[in-house]
Amino acid sequence: MYGGSVAAFIRSQVGIDRTIAVQKFSEFLSGHVLNTEQEEYLKAIITYVCQNGDIERSTLINEPPLNGYDWIETFGQHFVCIRDFVDKLHNTIVVA
């Protein structure tokens, strides 16, 4: 559980610093132009990570409020970018 990371377990209990999540969001945005709906969805991901301490791909389809979005429709053929963004957040948290 939590990839054997004590830090990931602690973050799951207390959340994560929003500054770190926003930094990853800014890095992601530097290579992408998003519409309003896409930005809203990514902000929902950041809020989820800050409150829960971690995120995995399965969270996008299994956990509210993220499962309320149709992320494939929202991002079209670029939905892979969301997968990569979530992986980057998760890997940052597990490694820390």
N, C-alpha and C. Protein backbone atom coordinates (compact mmCIF):
# COMPACT_ATOMS: atom_id res chain seq x y z
N MET A 1 0.85 -1.18 0.00
CA MET A 1 0.00 0.00 0.00
C MET A 1 0.89 1.24 0.00
N TYR A 2 0.50 2.26 -0.77
CA TYR A 2 1.22 3.53 -0.89
C TYR A 2 2.63 3.32 -1.42
N GLY A 3 2.84 2.24 -2.18
CA GLY A 3 4.13 1.99 -2.79
C GLY A 3 5.24 1.79 -1.78
N GLY A 4 4.89 1.38 -0.57
CA GLY A 4 5.88 1.19 0.48
C GLY A 4 6.46 2.49 1.01
N SER A 5 5.81 3.60 0.68
CA SER A 5 6.32 4.91 1.09
C SER A 5 5.58 5.43 2.32
N VAL A 6 6.31 5.64 3.38
CA VAL A 6 5.73 6.22 4.58
C VAL A 6 5.24 7.63 4.29
N ALA A 7 6.01 8.37 3.49
CA ALA A 7 5.61 9.74 3.13
C ALA A 7 4.28 9.75 2.41
N ALA A 8 4.07 8.81 1.49
CA ALA A 8 2.79 8.74 0.77
C ALA A 8 1.65 8.40 1.72
N PHE A 9 1.90 7.52 2.68
CA PHE A 9 0.88 7.19 3.67
C PHE A 9 0.51 8.42 4.50
N ILE A 10 1.52 9.14 4.96
CA ILE A 10 1.26 10.34 5.77
C ILE A 10 0.48 11.36 4.95
N ARG A 11 0.87 11.56 3.71
CA ARG A 11 0.15 12.50 2.85
C ARG A 11 -1.29 12.08 2.64
N SER A 12 -1.54 10.77 2.61
CA SER A 12 -2.92 10.31 2.44
C SER A 12 -3.76 10.67 3.66
N GLN A 13 -3.11 10.86 4.79
CA GLN A 13 -3.82 11.20 6.02
C GLN A 13 -3.99 12.71 6.20
N VAL A 14 -2.99 13.48 5.78
CA VAL A 14 -3.02 14.93 6.04
C VAL A 14 -3.08 15.79 4.79
N GLY A 15 -2.99 15.18 3.61
CA GLY A 15 -3.01 15.96 2.37
C GLY A 15 -1.61 16.35 1.95
N ILE A 16 -1.54 17.18 0.93
CA ILE A 16 -0.26 17.62 0.38
C ILE A 16 -0.28 19.13 0.25
N ASP A 17 0.87 19.72 0.33
CA ASP A 17 0.99 21.17 0.19
C ASP A 17 0.51 21.59 -1.19
N ARG A 18 -0.43 22.51 -1.23
CA ARG A 18 -1.00 22.98 -2.49
C ARG A 18 0.08 23.59 -3.39
N THR A 19 1.12 24.16 -2.83
CA THR A 19 2.20 24.77 -3.61
C THR A 19 2.86 23.75 -4.52
N ILE A 20 3.08 22.56 -4.02
CA ILE A 20 3.71 21.50 -4.82
C ILE A 20 2.79 21.11 -5.97
N ALA A 21 1.51 20.92 -5.67
CA ALA A 21 0.56 20.53 -6.71
C ALA A 21 0.44 21.63 -7.77
N VAL A 22 0.39 22.87 -7.34
CA VAL A 22 0.28 23.99 -8.30
C VAL A 22 1.54 24.10 -9.14
N GLN A 23 2.69 23.80 -8.55
CA GLN A 23 3.94 23.82 -9.32
C GLN A 23 3.88 22.80 -10.45
N LYS A 24 3.41 21.60 -10.15
CA LYS A 24 3.28 20.57 -11.19
C LYS A 24 2.25 20.99 -12.24
N PHE A 25 1.19 21.65 -11.80
CA PHE A 25 0.16 22.16 -12.70
C PHE A 25 0.77 23.19 -13.64
N SER A 26 1.59 24.09 -13.10
CA SER A 26 2.24 25.13 -13.93
C SER A 26 3.17 24.50 -14.95
N GLU A 27 3.92 23.48 -14.53
CA GLU A 27 4.81 22.78 -15.45
C GLU A 27 3.99 22.14 -16.58
N PHE A 28 2.86 21.56 -16.23
CA PHE A 28 1.99 20.94 -17.22
C PHE A 28 1.45 21.98 -18.20
N LEU A 29 1.02 23.12 -17.68
CA LEU A 29 0.44 24.17 -18.52
C LEU A 29 1.45 24.77 -19.49
N SER A 30 2.72 24.76 -19.12
CA SER A 30 3.73 25.39 -19.98
C SER A 30 3.76 24.78 -21.37
N GLY A 31 3.30 23.55 -21.51
CA GLY A 31 3.33 22.92 -22.82
C GLY A 31 1.96 22.72 -23.44
N HIS A 32 0.91 23.29 -22.82
CA HIS A 32 -0.44 23.04 -23.30
C HIS A 32 -1.29 24.31 -23.24
N VAL A 33 -2.19 24.43 -24.18
CA VAL A 33 -3.20 25.48 -24.16
C VAL A 33 -4.52 24.80 -23.84
N LEU A 34 -5.17 25.25 -22.76
CA LEU A 34 -6.38 24.60 -22.29
C LEU A 34 -7.60 25.50 -22.41
N ASN A 35 -8.76 24.88 -22.60
CA ASN A 35 -9.99 25.65 -22.54
C ASN A 35 -10.46 25.69 -21.08
N THR A 36 -11.54 26.40 -20.82
CA THR A 36 -12.02 26.59 -19.46
C THR A 36 -12.39 25.27 -18.78
N GLU A 37 -13.07 24.39 -19.50
CA GLU A 37 -13.47 23.11 -18.93
C GLU A 37 -12.26 22.25 -18.57
N GLN A 38 -11.24 22.28 -19.40
CA GLN A 38 -10.03 21.52 -19.13
C GLN A 38 -9.31 22.07 -17.90
N GLU A 39 -9.23 23.40 -17.79
CA GLU A 39 -8.60 24.00 -16.60
C GLU A 39 -9.37 23.65 -15.34
N GLU A 40 -10.69 23.69 -15.41
CA GLU A 40 -11.52 23.35 -14.26
C GLU A 40 -11.26 21.91 -13.81
N TYR A 41 -11.14 21.02 -14.77
CA TYR A 41 -10.89 19.61 -14.45
C TYR A 41 -9.52 19.44 -13.78
N LEU A 42 -8.51 20.11 -14.31
CA LEU A 42 -7.18 20.00 -13.72
C LEU A 42 -7.14 20.61 -12.32
N LYS A 43 -7.88 21.68 -12.11
CA LYS A 43 -7.96 22.26 -10.77
C LYS A 43 -8.65 21.30 -9.81
N ALA A 44 -9.64 20.56 -10.30
CA ALA A 44 -10.30 19.55 -9.47
C ALA A 44 -9.30 18.45 -9.08
N ILE A 45 -8.42 18.10 -10.00
CA ILE A 45 -7.38 17.11 -9.70
C ILE A 45 -6.46 17.64 -8.60
N ILE A 46 -6.04 18.88 -8.72
CA ILE A 46 -5.17 19.48 -7.71
C ILE A 46 -5.85 19.52 -6.35
N THR A 47 -7.10 19.92 -6.32
CA THR A 47 -7.85 19.95 -5.07
C THR A 47 -7.92 18.56 -4.46
N TYR A 48 -8.18 17.56 -5.29
CA TYR A 48 -8.24 16.18 -4.81
C TYR A 48 -6.90 15.78 -4.18
N VAL A 49 -5.82 16.07 -4.87
CA VAL A 49 -4.49 15.69 -4.37
C VAL A 49 -4.19 16.40 -3.05
N CYS A 50 -4.52 17.67 -2.97
CA CYS A 50 -4.25 18.43 -1.75
C CYS A 50 -5.06 17.89 -0.56
N GLN A 51 -6.26 17.44 -0.81
CA GLN A 51 -7.11 16.93 0.27
C GLN A 51 -6.78 15.49 0.64
N ASN A 52 -6.37 14.69 -0.36
CA ASN A 52 -6.19 13.26 -0.13
C ASN A 52 -4.74 12.80 -0.10
N GLY A 53 -3.84 13.67 -0.52
CA GLY A 53 -2.42 13.35 -0.42
C GLY A 53 -1.83 12.60 -1.59
N ASP A 54 -2.66 12.05 -2.45
CA ASP A 54 -2.15 11.28 -3.59
C ASP A 54 -3.27 11.12 -4.61
N ILE A 55 -2.89 10.67 -5.78
CA ILE A 55 -3.85 10.38 -6.84
C ILE A 55 -3.25 9.32 -7.75
N GLU A 56 -4.09 8.46 -8.26
CA GLU A 56 -3.69 7.47 -9.24
C GLU A 56 -4.67 7.52 -10.40
N ARG A 57 -4.32 6.89 -11.49
CA ARG A 57 -5.19 6.90 -12.67
C ARG A 57 -6.61 6.42 -12.34
N SER A 58 -6.70 5.38 -11.55
CA SER A 58 -8.01 4.82 -11.22
C SER A 58 -8.91 5.82 -10.50
N THR A 59 -8.30 6.80 -9.84
CA THR A 59 -9.06 7.82 -9.14
C THR A 59 -9.93 8.61 -10.10
N LEU A 60 -9.46 8.81 -11.32
CA LEU A 60 -10.19 9.61 -12.30
C LEU A 60 -11.56 9.03 -12.63
N ILE A 61 -11.68 7.72 -12.55
CA ILE A 61 -12.96 7.10 -12.89
C ILE A 61 -13.71 6.55 -11.68
N ASN A 62 -13.05 6.50 -10.52
CA ASN A 62 -13.67 5.87 -9.36
C ASN A 62 -14.00 6.81 -8.20
N GLU A 63 -13.44 8.00 -8.17
CA GLU A 63 -13.59 8.86 -6.99
C GLU A 63 -14.29 10.18 -7.33
N PRO A 64 -15.29 10.54 -6.52
CA PRO A 64 -15.90 11.86 -6.71
C PRO A 64 -14.93 12.95 -6.25
N PRO A 65 -14.92 14.09 -6.80
CA PRO A 65 -15.79 14.58 -7.86
C PRO A 65 -15.24 14.26 -9.26
N LEU A 66 -14.07 13.65 -9.32
CA LEU A 66 -13.41 13.43 -10.62
C LEU A 66 -14.19 12.48 -11.51
N ASN A 67 -14.87 11.52 -10.93
CA ASN A 67 -15.62 10.58 -11.75
C ASN A 67 -16.87 11.23 -12.36
N GLY A 68 -17.16 12.44 -11.97
CA GLY A 68 -18.28 13.18 -12.55
C GLY A 68 -17.93 13.86 -13.86
N TYR A 69 -16.65 13.89 -14.19
CA TYR A 69 -16.18 14.50 -15.43
C TYR A 69 -15.97 13.42 -16.48
N ASP A 70 -16.21 13.75 -17.72
CA ASP A 70 -15.87 12.85 -18.81
C ASP A 70 -14.53 13.35 -19.37
N TRP A 71 -13.45 12.90 -18.76
CA TRP A 71 -12.14 13.45 -19.09
C TRP A 71 -11.69 13.08 -20.49
N ILE A 72 -12.17 11.96 -21.00
CA ILE A 72 -11.80 11.59 -22.38
C ILE A 72 -12.50 12.55 -23.35
N GLU A 73 -13.77 12.85 -23.08
CA GLU A 73 -14.49 13.79 -23.94
C GLU A 73 -13.91 15.20 -23.80
N THR A 74 -13.57 15.59 -22.58
CA THR A 74 -13.05 16.93 -22.32
C THR A 74 -11.71 17.16 -23.01
N PHE A 75 -10.87 16.16 -23.04
CA PHE A 75 -9.53 16.32 -23.60
C PHE A 75 -9.35 15.67 -24.97
N GLY A 76 -10.37 14.94 -25.44
CA GLY A 76 -10.29 14.32 -26.76
C GLY A 76 -9.06 13.45 -26.90
N GLN A 77 -8.41 13.56 -28.04
CA GLN A 77 -7.23 12.73 -28.31
C GLN A 77 -6.06 13.05 -27.39
N HIS A 78 -6.15 14.14 -26.66
CA HIS A 78 -5.08 14.53 -25.75
C HIS A 78 -5.30 14.04 -24.32
N PHE A 79 -6.26 13.12 -24.15
CA PHE A 79 -6.53 12.62 -22.80
C PHE A 79 -5.30 11.94 -22.20
N VAL A 80 -4.39 11.50 -23.04
CA VAL A 80 -3.14 10.88 -22.55
C VAL A 80 -2.36 11.89 -21.70
N CYS A 81 -2.48 13.16 -22.01
CA CYS A 81 -1.80 14.20 -21.23
C CYS A 81 -2.29 14.18 -19.78
N ILE A 82 -3.57 13.92 -19.57
CA ILE A 82 -4.11 13.86 -18.22
C ILE A 82 -3.55 12.66 -17.49
N ARG A 83 -3.49 11.53 -18.17
CA ARG A 83 -2.88 10.34 -17.58
C ARG A 83 -1.45 10.64 -17.14
N ASP A 84 -0.69 11.30 -18.01
CA ASP A 84 0.69 11.63 -17.71
C ASP A 84 0.79 12.62 -16.55
N PHE A 85 -0.14 13.60 -16.50
CA PHE A 85 -0.17 14.58 -15.41
C PHE A 85 -0.43 13.88 -14.08
N VAL A 86 -1.40 12.97 -14.05
CA VAL A 86 -1.72 12.22 -12.83
C VAL A 86 -0.54 11.35 -12.43
N ASP A 87 0.09 10.69 -13.39
CA ASP A 87 1.27 9.87 -13.08
C ASP A 87 2.39 10.71 -12.50
N LYS A 88 2.58 11.90 -13.05
CA LYS A 88 3.63 12.78 -12.57
C LYS A 88 3.36 13.22 -11.13
N LEU A 89 2.11 13.57 -10.83
CA LEU A 89 1.75 13.93 -9.45
C LEU A 89 1.96 12.74 -8.52
N HIS A 90 1.47 11.58 -8.91
CA HIS A 90 1.59 10.39 -8.08
C HIS A 90 3.06 10.03 -7.85
N ASN A 91 3.87 10.03 -8.90
CA ASN A 91 5.27 9.67 -8.78
C ASN A 91 6.03 10.67 -7.92
N THR A 92 5.68 11.93 -8.00
CA THR A 92 6.31 12.95 -7.15
C THR A 92 6.01 12.67 -5.70
N ILE A 93 4.79 12.28 -5.41
CA ILE A 93 4.36 12.02 -4.04
C ILE A 93 5.00 10.75 -3.50
N VAL A 94 5.01 9.68 -4.28
CA VAL A 94 5.56 8.41 -3.83
C VAL A 94 7.07 8.51 -3.62
N VAL A 95 7.77 9.23 -4.48
CA VAL A 95 9.22 9.35 -4.36
C VAL A 95 9.62 10.20 -3.17
N ALA A 96 8.82 11.20 -2.86
CA ALA A 96 9.18 12.16 -1.80
C ALA A 96 9.36 11.54 -0.46
